[in-house]
Amino acid sequence: MKQTDTIRGYHAHIYFDAKSKSRARALCEEAGQRFGVSIGHMHDQGVGPHPLPSCQLTATPTQFDQLLPWLALNREGLIVFAHPETGNALADHQDHAIWLGAGLDLDLSIFGVV
C-alpha cells in the first residue's frame, strides 16, 4: 500500500441516531460557524462505509487543527470518525482513522476490500 505525506483536507463524520439527530445537527452547525468548515447533508441511514446515520464536516488542514480538539470537548457523547484526505481512500478510512468515542466497524467493501 502506497503511503503519502500530503494531506489535502479532512472529513469528520458525526454519527447520530433518532434521539441524537438534533444534537448532531447543532454540533455541525456550530462547527460551521466557528471554523468555517463545510457541512454536508444529514444522512438518515449509513452511507458509503459509514454504519450509522451521519453528517460530514469537510475541513482544510488548518481548520482541522482547531476543529478536532473542539469536537473532542464538545461532542456530548456523539461518536465522531475523522480521517485525512490523501488520495488513498482505503488507507484514509482504515489506517489513518481518528475516533472520538467508540470505534465502529466500517464497510470497507466499497474500497474493494473483501
Foldseek 3Di string as FASTA:
>chain_A
DDDDPDFFWKKKKWFDAPVCLVVQVVLQVVLCVPQVWDKADQACQADAFGHGTIIMTIGGPVSVVVPVVCCLVRVVQIKMKMFTPDPQVLCRRPVGIDIRHDDDGTDCVVVVDD
